[in-house]
Amino acid sequence: MIVALGGIAFGMYKYQKDKIEKQGKDILTTIAIVTSNLKSRKIFVAVFITYGIFFSLVSGTLVYQPEINFVTHYGATIPSGFIAPCCDGPGYMPKIIVYLTEHVGLQIIPINFVLQIVVSYLVAINASIAISAYTLSKKGRSISSVGAVTGLFIACPTCAGTFLSIFIGTASGIGLSILLTQLQTLFIALSIPVLILTPYIMAKKLQNSDGSCKINFKS
């Protein structure tokens, strides 16, 4: 899986480089140029790392439980790790469990790992384009926010239930959290298309009338 993700990343890099060299006047060339200039690269890296860390926290990949001592409760050796090959649904096994300290650990689940990379990448792309688009139109910021906020619910569909429980009562909030957890696939289906579509919408604001990009690649 890691090799496959690496191959996809390398392929996308080569495709982006080819688009920049050909200097076409299509929307994908504009996206490639905007996300390749120095300012956008810095924004991309910062957002990718920040969003990835936040995603790992709310999805349970990075576990911090100050009230539980892993040595006492689970008999863990610090540091240590193991693979749990069974038993769960497709995409949720095997799990890699790592104990870093008495209260900090990692629970790497295949589907969460893939979603973390994909969603963090898409949100970073949205952010880097939105910063450029925002200088030309204030509408770019709100469009990107929709994709980013929706993307959060992929990692933590129960967050909505926890949030709503403050207003509608704990019992109802717990019930809603369970329902939202079961609808995780729906959140994925809704958020990823939004995160893919918004760069196209925002990149339109960065094109000249002839289709060329307003942003200089080297700027």
Foldseek 3Di string as FASTA:
>chain_A
DVVVVVVVVVVVVVVLVVLCVVQDLALSSLLSLLCQAPVLVVLLVVQLVVQLVVLCDQLVQKFFDPVFFCCVPVVDDAWDKDWQADDDDPQQDGWIWTDHGRGIIGTDTRNSVVLSNLLSNLLSSLVSLLVVLCVQPVVSVVLSVVLNVLSSCLRHQLVVLVVCCVPPNDVSSVVNSVVSVVCSVVSVVPRSVSSVPSSSVSSVSQADPVSGGVDGSHD
